[in-house]
Amino acid sequence: MTLIFSTMDFKYELEGVVKLFLPAQSFKITVSPTEEGYEGDICFVKREPKGMMTYLYVLCRLGGKVASEAGIVLNSSKDYRRECEMTLARYVYMCLSRLTGITPEWGIITGVRPVKQVNAMSAKGMTDDEIRKCLSEEFLCSTKKINVAFAVAKVQERILRDLSNDSFSLYVSIPFCTSRCSYCSFVSQEVEHSLTLIPQYVSNLCSEIRHTGKLMKTLGKKLDTIYFGGGTPTAIEPAYLRAIMQTIEESFDTSGVREYTVEAGRADTITGQKLKTIKECGAKRISINPQTLNDSVLSAIGRKHTVKQFYDAFSLAREIGFDVINTDLIAGLPTDTLESFKQTIDGILELKPENITVHTLSIKRTSNLNHSEERELGDETAQMIDYASQRLVEEGYLPYYLYRQKNMLDNQENIGWAKPGTESLYNTFIMEENQTIIAVGAGGSTKLVDNKWDRLKRVFNYKLPLEYNKNFDLMITKKKEIEEFFTLEKE
């Protein structure tokens, strides 16, 4: 499809709306005052100021069929640019919905964090009824998705009520896995190909932790939560895990830490020794992520473990004493069916984990799945998400965080569900961007948040372990950006 803009204003936002309907297509983008002369599928967007008003026009042609919408915005409008953007986005949505028969339930919300819309409107003093009307009429959201967003916001209100601007969370990146899943786009390397990198990586990571601990102490910031992610942290040996976790204990004041999570992730990396090490070093919350309880689906996505291994790992974690376990599941995986997914949901619920995160498959640009000619993208994903939501509510779970990604099947979402009182603080903070997250390790992305002055800044570490090791001294100098941010906060 060719996207034709009379002006490049709102290009990114409107392209995002088109992708809701045509996620797998590549687009040619051009600037022209008219759609004439362009053949094939097109989406033409025109914004033309005339006197005291601006003329807005959208024409979409798909498979030979045409749909169009037109209207005006007064130039004197209080929020002129936003009104133009929102109106054009609705027009693109309406045209493509008529042409494709698809009605994305999140409407024109293309951002990662839909719940932020609810929280932002609430902060402005809008009532629940006013927010619901805005989401329905301006953003074109379905009632079902509005209800989900409100349910998440209600739980988060309790979690965020007493959040201090002086607190921060620590993210520790262990970017190694036993193998790469077909859908994965995370920065990670297979352990067997990275054995020579790991000792130096762990040594450098511990040095970065010590440096960061001194910096945050100087700045007067208090450690709130700790989260080990990756990759798969349990892909490395227990001695390395112990060294990293002990370095954290020595470098930070952990007396006020409210939550400590390690992603055990894949069952084929879990041993009793690793779980004991994790628990002895202070982590009380872990993730053991089957993604599916169907062995043939596991094989199709390149996960080299079995369903039995997952059950064994889960049972072992309970025996060792972990009383908060999260399990990740993915709807829409290759070769999975609605019936098979229902069996996965029911099987996980029998285990009674405290947290269950239900993801929707997202076809990432850098994933192996994106380049596979054999991938099958079913249209049952929305039914899978609906079934999961129904069963989780029946079993007493509440949704507490929600986010979306590009190219998600059926334009769905990822939702974290929890038994009341077991919600992950870290997941809430990073999704809603209301607490500073200090990241250490390769691929880490520090997110500096100043709620008082509504400021946000990101500081990125080198992505790959080899780059991280090679440029470690240079990377450490970037920590000055953290100091500068918080110095400005105090001024």
Protein backbone atom coordinates (compact mmCIF):
# COMPACT_ATOMS: atom_id res chain seq x y z
CA MET A 1 0.00 0.00 0.00
CA THR A 2 1.07 3.59 -0.69
CA LEU A 3 0.48 6.12 2.07
CA ILE A 4 0.04 9.58 0.59
CA PHE A 5 0.18 12.65 2.85
CA SER A 6 -0.49 16.21 1.81
CA THR A 7 1.78 17.16 4.71
CA MET A 8 3.99 14.93 6.85
CA ASP A 9 2.26 16.10 10.04
CA PHE A 10 0.97 13.12 12.03
CA LYS A 11 2.68 10.65 9.66
CA TYR A 12 3.83 8.33 12.44
CA GLU A 13 0.50 8.33 14.26
CA LEU A 14 -1.60 7.73 11.14
CA GLU A 15 0.73 5.04 9.82
CA GLY A 16 0.17 3.29 13.15
CA VAL A 17 -3.60 3.31 12.57
CA VAL A 18 -3.16 1.80 9.09
CA LYS A 19 -1.01 -0.97 10.59
CA LEU A 20 -3.92 -1.97 12.82
CA PHE A 21 -5.62 -3.26 9.68
CA LEU A 22 -2.63 -4.28 7.55
CA PRO A 23 0.08 -5.32 10.05
CA ALA A 24 2.09 -7.55 7.73
CA GLN A 25 2.37 -5.09 4.84
CA SER A 26 5.21 -2.75 4.00
CA PHE A 27 4.24 0.77 2.97
CA LYS A 28 5.54 3.24 0.47
CA ILE A 29 5.22 6.75 1.88
CA THR A 30 5.05 9.87 -0.25
CA VAL A 31 3.95 13.51 -0.12
CA SER A 32 1.41 14.80 -2.61
CA PRO A 33 -1.48 17.31 -2.62
CA THR A 34 -3.67 14.77 -4.43
CA GLU A 35 -4.20 11.04 -4.76
CA GLU A 36 -4.46 11.25 -8.56
CA GLY A 37 -1.89 9.24 -10.50
CA TYR A 38 -1.37 6.59 -7.82
CA GLU A 39 -2.41 3.04 -8.69
CA GLY A 40 -3.19 0.07 -6.48
CA ASP A 41 -3.96 0.22 -2.77
CA ILE A 42 -3.63 3.69 -1.26
CA CYS A 43 -4.44 5.69 1.84
CA PHE A 44 -4.55 9.42 1.08
CA VAL A 45 -4.60 11.90 3.98
CA LYS A 46 -5.15 15.61 3.37
CA ARG A 47 -5.05 18.53 5.79
CA GLU A 48 -5.67 21.88 4.10
CA PRO A 49 -6.12 25.15 6.06
CA LYS A 50 -8.63 27.49 4.38
CA GLY A 51 -9.46 30.80 6.00
CA MET A 52 -10.85 30.22 9.49
CA MET A 53 -11.02 26.45 9.20
CA THR A 54 -8.99 23.41 8.14
CA TYR A 55 -10.36 20.91 5.66
CA LEU A 56 -9.65 17.26 6.53
CA TYR A 57 -10.03 14.45 4.02
CA VAL A 58 -9.14 10.74 3.94
CA LEU A 59 -9.56 8.38 0.98
CA CYS A 60 -8.62 4.71 1.12
CA ARG A 61 -8.59 2.30 -1.80
CA LEU A 62 -8.12 -1.39 -1.10
CA GLY A 63 -8.60 -4.22 -3.59
CA GLY A 64 -10.39 -1.85 -5.95
CA LYS A 65 -12.92 -0.70 -3.33
CA VAL A 66 -12.95 2.89 -2.11
CA ALA A 67 -14.04 4.59 1.13
CA SER A 68 -13.66 8.23 2.15
CA GLU A 69 -14.39 10.63 5.01
CA ALA A 70 -14.25 14.43 5.16
CA GLY A 71 -14.78 17.18 7.71
CA ILE A 72 -13.46 20.43 9.16
CA VAL A 73 -11.68 21.71 12.27
CA LEU A 74 -11.82 25.35 13.31
CA ASN A 75 -8.39 27.00 13.31
CA SER A 76 -9.36 28.72 16.57
CA SER A 77 -9.88 25.37 18.31
CA LYS A 78 -8.24 25.31 21.74
CA ASP A 79 -6.22 22.18 20.90
CA TYR A 80 -6.09 22.55 17.14
CA ARG A 81 -3.30 20.09 16.31
CA ARG A 82 -4.62 17.35 18.56
CA GLU A 83 -8.11 17.75 17.12
CA CYS A 84 -6.72 17.46 13.59
CA GLU A 85 -4.69 14.38 14.49
CA MET A 86 -7.55 12.64 16.28
CA THR A 87 -10.06 13.42 13.53
CA LEU A 88 -7.78 12.16 10.75
CA ALA A 89 -7.01 9.02 12.77
CA ARG A 90 -10.73 8.33 13.17
CA TYR A 91 -11.28 8.87 9.43
CA VAL A 92 -8.48 6.41 8.52
CA TYR A 93 -9.92 3.89 10.99
CA MET A 94 -13.47 4.27 9.67
CA CYS A 95 -12.43 3.92 6.04
CA LEU A 96 -10.26 0.86 6.55
CA SER A 97 -12.82 -0.75 8.83
CA ARG A 98 -15.43 -0.49 6.08
CA LEU A 99 -13.02 -1.87 3.46
CA THR A 100 -11.63 -4.77 5.52
CA GLY A 101 -14.56 -5.66 7.76
CA ILE A 102 -12.14 -5.46 10.72
CA THR A 103 -12.98 -3.42 13.82
CA PRO A 104 -9.92 -3.21 16.11
CA GLU A 105 -11.27 -3.11 19.66
CA TRP A 106 -8.72 -0.61 20.96
CA GLY A 107 -9.91 1.88 18.35
CA ILE A 108 -7.30 4.41 17.30
CA ILE A 109 -5.14 3.86 20.39
CA THR A 110 -1.87 2.67 18.88
CA GLY A 111 0.35 3.36 21.89
CA VAL A 112 1.92 0.74 24.11
CA ARG A 113 0.08 1.77 27.29
CA PRO A 114 -3.70 2.24 26.87
CA VAL A 115 -4.24 2.48 30.64
CA LYS A 116 -2.20 5.68 30.69
CA GLN A 117 -5.06 7.31 28.78
CA VAL A 118 -7.42 6.43 31.64
CA ASN A 119 -4.97 7.60 34.31
CA ALA A 120 -4.20 10.85 32.46
CA MET A 121 -7.87 11.74 32.05
CA SER A 122 -8.57 10.87 35.67
CA ALA A 123 -5.69 13.13 36.77
CA LYS A 124 -7.38 15.99 34.89
CA GLY A 125 -10.48 15.54 37.04
CA MET A 126 -12.67 13.75 34.51
CA THR A 127 -15.33 11.44 35.94
CA ASP A 128 -15.46 7.75 35.03
CA ASP A 129 -18.47 8.38 32.79
CA GLU A 130 -16.65 11.20 30.99
CA ILE A 131 -13.57 9.01 30.49
CA ARG A 132 -15.65 6.14 29.14
CA LYS A 133 -17.43 8.47 26.73
CA CYS A 134 -14.13 9.89 25.50
CA LEU A 135 -12.61 6.45 24.96
CA SER A 136 -15.72 5.33 23.09
CA GLU A 137 -16.45 8.38 20.94
CA GLU A 138 -13.01 9.94 20.42
CA PHE A 139 -10.79 6.87 20.49
CA LEU A 140 -13.42 4.41 19.14
CA CYS A 141 -12.62 1.79 21.81
CA SER A 142 -15.00 -1.10 22.38
CA THR A 143 -16.87 -1.37 25.67
CA LYS A 144 -15.01 -4.62 26.42
CA LYS A 145 -11.57 -3.01 26.16
CA ILE A 146 -12.70 0.07 28.09
CA ASN A 147 -13.79 -2.23 30.91
CA VAL A 148 -10.38 -3.97 30.87
CA ALA A 149 -8.53 -0.63 31.02
CA PHE A 150 -10.66 0.53 33.96
CA ALA A 151 -10.15 -2.75 35.82
CA VAL A 152 -6.37 -2.41 35.47
CA ALA A 153 -6.44 1.26 36.49
CA LYS A 154 -8.44 0.42 39.62
CA VAL A 155 -5.85 -2.10 40.82
CA GLN A 156 -2.97 0.23 39.94
CA GLU A 157 -4.51 3.06 41.93
CA ARG A 158 -3.91 1.07 45.09
CA ILE A 159 -0.36 0.13 44.08
CA LEU A 160 0.68 3.65 43.05
CA ARG A 161 -1.00 5.57 45.85
CA ASP A 162 2.05 5.87 48.11
CA LEU A 163 4.82 5.74 45.50
CA SER A 164 7.74 7.97 46.49
CA ASN A 165 9.57 10.15 43.97
CA ASP A 166 12.83 9.18 45.72
CA SER A 167 12.40 5.44 45.10
CA PHE A 168 13.76 3.43 42.20
CA SER A 169 13.81 -0.12 40.90
CA LEU A 170 16.84 -2.06 39.71
CA TYR A 171 16.72 -4.13 36.52
CA VAL A 172 19.51 -6.69 36.05
CA SER A 173 20.02 -8.01 32.51
CA ILE A 174 21.24 -11.56 31.97
CA PRO A 175 21.10 -11.73 28.14
CA PHE A 176 21.71 -15.46 27.67
CA CYS A 177 19.38 -18.31 26.73
CA THR A 178 19.72 -22.02 26.05
CA SER A 179 18.16 -21.44 22.59
CA ARG A 180 16.30 -18.68 20.77
CA CYS A 181 12.51 -18.94 20.50
CA SER A 182 11.11 -18.25 17.04
CA TYR A 183 9.04 -15.26 18.22
CA CYS A 184 11.83 -13.66 20.29
CA SER A 185 13.41 -10.28 19.48
CA PHE A 186 15.12 -9.72 22.84
CA VAL A 187 18.85 -9.19 23.01
CA SER A 188 20.07 -12.63 24.01
CA GLN A 189 22.71 -15.16 23.02
CA GLU A 190 22.74 -18.93 23.31
CA VAL A 191 24.79 -20.00 26.30
CA GLU A 192 26.75 -22.70 24.47
CA HIS A 193 27.96 -20.07 22.00
CA SER A 194 28.79 -17.55 24.72
CA LEU A 195 30.76 -19.53 27.27
CA THR A 196 33.90 -17.42 26.80
CA LEU A 197 31.88 -14.20 27.26
CA ILE A 198 30.07 -15.07 30.47
CA PRO A 199 32.91 -14.83 33.06
CA GLN A 200 33.96 -11.36 31.88
CA TYR A 201 30.31 -10.34 31.52
CA VAL A 202 29.52 -11.30 35.11
CA SER A 203 32.66 -9.54 36.35
CA ASN A 204 31.74 -6.35 34.48
CA LEU A 205 28.12 -6.57 35.58
CA CYS A 206 29.22 -6.74 39.22
CA SER A 207 31.46 -3.71 38.66
CA GLU A 208 28.55 -1.81 37.12
CA ILE A 209 26.35 -2.76 40.07
CA ARG A 210 28.94 -1.48 42.55
CA HIS A 211 29.37 1.78 40.61
CA THR A 212 25.60 2.25 40.37
CA GLY A 213 25.10 1.51 44.06
CA LYS A 214 27.52 4.26 45.05
CA LEU A 215 25.86 6.70 42.62
CA MET A 216 22.31 6.08 43.86
CA LYS A 217 23.44 6.35 47.48
CA THR A 218 25.04 9.72 46.72
CA LEU A 219 21.82 10.88 45.06
CA GLY A 220 19.76 9.83 48.08
CA LYS A 221 17.58 7.36 46.17
CA LYS A 222 15.99 4.35 47.85
CA LEU A 223 15.89 0.90 46.26
CA ASP A 224 12.31 -0.38 46.05
CA THR A 225 12.24 -3.46 43.79
CA ILE A 226 14.76 -5.71 42.03
CA TYR A 227 14.08 -7.58 38.79
CA PHE A 228 16.36 -10.06 36.98
CA GLY A 229 15.41 -10.41 33.30
CA GLY A 230 17.01 -11.38 30.03
CA GLY A 231 17.35 -13.65 28.20
CA THR A 232 16.91 -16.22 30.85
CA PRO A 233 18.79 -15.46 34.09
CA THR A 234 18.80 -19.15 35.08
CA ALA A 235 20.69 -19.99 31.89
CA ILE A 236 23.92 -19.16 33.73
CA GLU A 237 25.52 -21.23 36.49
CA PRO A 238 24.37 -20.84 40.12
CA ALA A 239 27.80 -19.55 41.17
CA TYR A 240 27.39 -16.62 38.76
CA LEU A 241 23.87 -15.93 40.02
CA ARG A 242 25.14 -15.92 43.61
CA ALA A 243 28.01 -13.57 42.75
CA ILE A 244 25.66 -11.06 41.10
CA MET A 245 23.04 -11.22 43.84
CA GLN A 246 25.62 -10.90 46.62
CA THR A 247 27.11 -7.87 44.84
CA ILE A 248 23.67 -6.24 44.88
CA GLU A 249 23.34 -6.96 48.60
CA GLU A 250 26.77 -5.40 49.26
CA SER A 251 26.24 -2.37 46.99
CA PHE A 252 22.71 -1.24 47.88
CA ASP A 253 20.67 -0.79 51.01
CA THR A 254 18.19 -3.62 50.44
CA SER A 255 16.42 -3.25 53.79
CA GLY A 256 13.52 -1.40 52.15
CA VAL A 257 13.16 -3.66 49.10
CA ARG A 258 9.50 -4.64 48.73
CA GLU A 259 9.86 -7.07 45.84
CA TYR A 260 12.68 -9.20 44.43
CA THR A 261 12.04 -11.14 41.22
CA VAL A 262 14.17 -13.50 39.14
CA GLU A 263 12.88 -14.80 35.82
CA ALA A 264 13.62 -18.52 35.90
CA GLY A 265 11.84 -18.54 32.57
CA ARG A 266 12.54 -21.78 30.79
CA ALA A 267 12.10 -25.11 32.50
CA ASP A 268 15.23 -26.54 30.84
CA THR A 269 17.39 -24.06 32.79
CA ILE A 270 15.94 -24.76 36.24
CA THR A 271 17.69 -26.89 38.83
CA GLY A 272 17.22 -27.23 42.56
CA GLN A 273 20.62 -25.67 43.16
CA LYS A 274 19.76 -22.57 41.14
CA LEU A 275 16.40 -22.13 42.85
CA LYS A 276 17.98 -22.53 46.29
CA THR A 277 20.64 -19.98 45.39
CA ILE A 278 18.02 -17.49 44.22
CA LYS A 279 15.95 -17.90 47.38
CA GLU A 280 18.95 -17.81 49.75
CA CYS A 281 20.08 -14.55 48.12
CA GLY A 282 16.77 -12.80 48.77
CA ALA A 283 14.45 -13.25 45.77
CA LYS A 284 10.97 -14.38 46.74
CA ARG A 285 9.20 -14.04 43.39
CA ILE A 286 10.09 -16.04 40.26
CA SER A 287 8.69 -16.60 36.79
CA ILE A 288 8.50 -20.07 35.25
CA ASN A 289 7.14 -19.61 31.76
CA PRO A 290 5.77 -22.54 29.74
CA GLN A 291 4.14 -20.28 27.07
CA THR A 292 1.97 -23.33 26.21
CA LEU A 293 1.15 -26.74 27.67
CA ASN A 294 1.31 -28.38 24.23
CA ASP A 295 4.56 -30.19 23.38
CA SER A 296 4.06 -29.89 19.63
CA VAL A 297 3.64 -26.10 19.93
CA LEU A 298 6.77 -25.89 22.09
CA SER A 299 8.66 -27.70 19.36
CA ALA A 300 7.23 -25.41 16.69
CA ILE A 301 8.49 -22.27 18.45
CA GLY A 302 11.94 -23.66 19.23
CA ARG A 303 11.67 -24.08 22.99
CA LYS A 304 13.82 -27.06 23.90
CA HIS A 305 11.89 -28.29 26.90
CA THR A 306 8.77 -30.36 27.44
CA VAL A 307 5.53 -29.73 29.29
CA LYS A 308 6.60 -32.34 31.85
CA GLN A 309 9.79 -30.38 32.53
CA PHE A 310 7.68 -27.30 33.22
CA TYR A 311 5.48 -29.19 35.70
CA ASP A 312 8.58 -30.63 37.40
CA ALA A 313 10.18 -27.16 37.66
CA PHE A 314 7.00 -25.61 39.06
CA SER A 315 6.68 -28.37 41.66
CA LEU A 316 10.35 -27.98 42.62
CA ALA A 317 9.92 -24.24 43.11
CA ARG A 318 6.99 -24.84 45.46
CA GLU A 319 8.98 -27.42 47.42
CA ILE A 320 11.87 -24.97 47.85
CA GLY A 321 9.46 -22.39 49.22
CA PHE A 322 8.61 -19.83 46.54
CA ASP A 323 5.15 -18.55 47.40
CA VAL A 324 4.78 -16.10 44.50
CA ILE A 325 5.23 -17.67 41.06
CA ASN A 326 4.36 -16.09 37.73
CA THR A 327 3.69 -18.10 34.57
CA ASP A 328 3.75 -16.55 31.08
CA LEU A 329 1.46 -17.82 28.32
CA ILE A 330 1.17 -16.71 24.69
CA ALA A 331 -2.01 -16.68 22.61
CA GLY A 332 -1.67 -17.17 18.87
CA LEU A 333 1.47 -19.30 18.72
CA PRO A 334 2.17 -21.21 15.47
CA THR A 335 0.25 -24.54 15.24
CA ASP A 336 -1.72 -23.75 18.42
CA THR A 337 -5.52 -23.96 18.26
CA LEU A 338 -8.31 -22.46 20.30
CA GLU A 339 -9.03 -25.82 21.91
CA SER A 340 -5.36 -26.42 22.72
CA PHE A 341 -5.02 -22.93 24.20
CA LYS A 342 -8.09 -23.50 26.38
CA GLN A 343 -6.43 -26.67 27.71
CA THR A 344 -3.31 -24.63 28.50
CA ILE A 345 -5.30 -22.05 30.47
CA ASP A 346 -7.20 -24.72 32.38
CA GLY A 347 -4.00 -26.66 33.08
CA ILE A 348 -2.20 -23.61 34.46
CA LEU A 349 -5.16 -22.68 36.66
CA GLU A 350 -5.01 -26.12 38.28
CA LEU A 351 -1.49 -25.21 39.53
CA LYS A 352 -2.81 -22.02 41.16
CA PRO A 353 0.15 -19.71 40.41
CA GLU A 354 -0.15 -16.31 42.07
CA ASN A 355 0.44 -14.43 38.78
CA ILE A 356 -0.44 -15.39 35.20
CA THR A 357 0.60 -13.17 32.31
CA VAL A 358 -1.28 -13.76 29.07
CA HIS A 359 0.59 -12.40 26.06
CA THR A 360 -0.63 -12.04 22.50
CA LEU A 361 1.87 -13.15 19.85
CA SER A 362 3.58 -10.18 18.26
CA ILE A 363 5.50 -10.72 15.03
CA LYS A 364 8.73 -8.84 15.71
CA ARG A 365 10.87 -7.57 12.85
CA THR A 366 14.02 -9.26 14.18
CA SER A 367 12.42 -12.56 15.25
CA ASN A 368 12.98 -15.81 13.34
CA LEU A 369 9.21 -16.19 13.05
CA ASN A 370 9.01 -12.97 11.04
CA HIS A 371 11.28 -14.48 8.39
CA SER A 372 9.65 -17.90 8.28
CA GLU A 373 7.61 -18.68 5.19
CA GLU A 374 5.82 -21.43 7.14
CA ARG A 375 4.31 -19.31 9.88
CA GLU A 376 0.56 -19.55 10.20
CA LEU A 377 -1.18 -16.57 11.73
CA GLY A 378 -4.58 -17.77 12.85
CA ASP A 379 -7.58 -15.54 13.47
CA GLU A 380 -8.60 -17.29 16.70
CA THR A 381 -6.37 -15.13 18.88
CA ALA A 382 -9.12 -12.80 20.08
CA GLN A 383 -11.18 -15.84 21.15
CA MET A 384 -8.15 -17.17 23.04
CA ILE A 385 -7.76 -13.88 24.93
CA ASP A 386 -11.49 -13.78 25.69
CA TYR A 387 -11.43 -17.31 27.09
CA ALA A 388 -8.36 -16.58 29.22
CA SER A 389 -9.93 -13.42 30.62
CA GLN A 390 -13.20 -15.21 31.43
CA ARG A 391 -11.51 -18.11 33.22
CA LEU A 392 -9.06 -15.92 35.14
CA VAL A 393 -11.86 -13.73 36.48
CA GLU A 394 -13.81 -16.87 37.47
CA GLU A 395 -10.78 -18.08 39.45
CA GLY A 396 -10.35 -14.80 41.34
CA TYR A 397 -7.52 -13.16 39.38
CA LEU A 398 -7.54 -9.42 38.67
CA PRO A 399 -5.78 -7.65 35.77
CA TYR A 400 -3.10 -5.30 37.09
CA TYR A 401 -0.94 -4.28 34.14
CA LEU A 402 -1.52 -4.11 30.42
CA TYR A 403 0.52 -3.20 27.40
CA ARG A 404 0.41 -3.54 23.64
CA GLN A 405 3.06 -4.12 20.99
CA LYS A 406 3.31 -3.58 17.26
CA ASN A 407 2.03 -6.31 14.95
CA MET A 408 0.04 -8.13 17.63
CA LEU A 409 -2.33 -10.74 16.28
CA ASP A 410 -5.95 -9.55 16.13
CA ASN A 411 -4.82 -6.22 17.67
CA GLN A 412 -5.03 -7.65 21.17
CA GLU A 413 -2.84 -6.97 24.23
CA ASN A 414 -0.68 -8.45 26.98
CA ILE A 415 -2.27 -8.56 30.43
CA GLY A 416 -0.73 -9.44 33.77
CA TRP A 417 -3.23 -11.13 36.10
CA ALA A 418 -2.72 -11.66 39.82
CA LYS A 419 -4.39 -12.91 42.94
CA PRO A 420 -5.18 -9.78 45.01
CA GLY A 421 -2.14 -8.68 46.97
CA THR A 422 0.41 -10.54 44.82
CA GLU A 423 0.68 -8.05 41.95
CA SER A 424 4.21 -7.35 40.66
CA LEU A 425 5.17 -3.83 41.67
CA TYR A 426 8.01 -3.74 39.14
CA ASN A 427 5.76 -4.66 36.21
CA THR A 428 3.32 -1.93 37.20
CA PHE A 429 6.04 0.72 37.55
CA ILE A 430 7.75 0.00 34.25
CA MET A 431 4.51 -0.19 32.28
CA GLU A 432 3.05 3.02 33.67
CA GLU A 433 6.41 4.88 33.67
CA ASN A 434 5.95 6.38 37.11
CA GLN A 435 9.10 5.16 38.85
CA THR A 436 12.76 5.37 37.87
CA ILE A 437 14.13 2.05 36.61
CA ILE A 438 17.92 1.78 36.77
CA ALA A 439 19.14 -0.93 34.38
CA VAL A 440 22.47 -2.72 34.58
CA GLY A 441 23.88 -5.16 32.06
CA ALA A 442 23.87 -5.56 28.28
CA GLY A 443 20.69 -4.40 26.59
CA GLY A 444 19.59 -2.54 29.71
CA SER A 445 17.52 0.60 29.25
CA THR A 446 17.49 2.96 32.23
CA LYS A 447 14.30 5.00 32.51
CA LEU A 448 14.65 8.13 34.64
CA VAL A 449 11.34 9.50 35.94
CA ASP A 450 10.69 12.80 37.70
CA ASN A 451 7.00 12.83 38.64
CA LYS A 452 7.22 16.28 40.21
CA TRP A 453 8.18 18.01 36.97
CA ASP A 454 6.79 15.36 34.59
CA ARG A 455 10.18 14.54 33.06
CA LEU A 456 11.34 11.25 31.54
CA LYS A 457 14.74 10.34 30.10
CA ARG A 458 16.23 7.07 28.83
CA VAL A 459 19.86 6.00 29.07
CA PHE A 460 20.87 2.92 27.08
CA ASN A 461 23.60 0.37 27.77
CA TYR A 462 25.36 -1.43 24.93
CA LYS A 463 23.06 -4.11 23.54
CA LEU A 464 25.17 -7.22 23.04
CA PRO A 465 27.38 -8.90 25.67
CA LEU A 466 30.42 -8.61 23.39
CA GLU A 467 29.85 -4.86 22.94
CA TYR A 468 29.17 -4.49 26.64
CA ASN A 469 32.44 -6.18 27.58
CA LYS A 470 34.48 -4.38 24.93
CA ASN A 471 33.17 -0.88 25.73
CA PHE A 472 32.59 -1.28 29.44
CA ASP A 473 34.66 1.71 30.61
CA LEU A 474 33.01 3.99 28.08
CA MET A 475 29.57 2.76 29.10
CA ILE A 476 30.25 3.51 32.77
CA THR A 477 30.86 7.16 31.87
CA LYS A 478 27.26 7.35 30.63
CA LYS A 479 26.13 6.99 34.24
CA LYS A 480 26.85 10.71 34.51
CA GLU A 481 23.56 11.25 32.69
CA ILE A 482 21.76 9.77 35.71
CA GLU A 483 23.53 12.16 38.06
CA GLU A 484 22.79 15.14 35.80
CA PHE A 485 19.10 14.25 35.60
CA PHE A 486 18.60 14.10 39.35
CA THR A 487 20.78 17.12 40.00
CA LEU A 488 18.45 19.11 37.77
CA GLU A 489 15.49 17.61 39.65
CA LYS A 490 16.79 19.10 42.91
CA GLU A 491 17.43 22.50 41.33
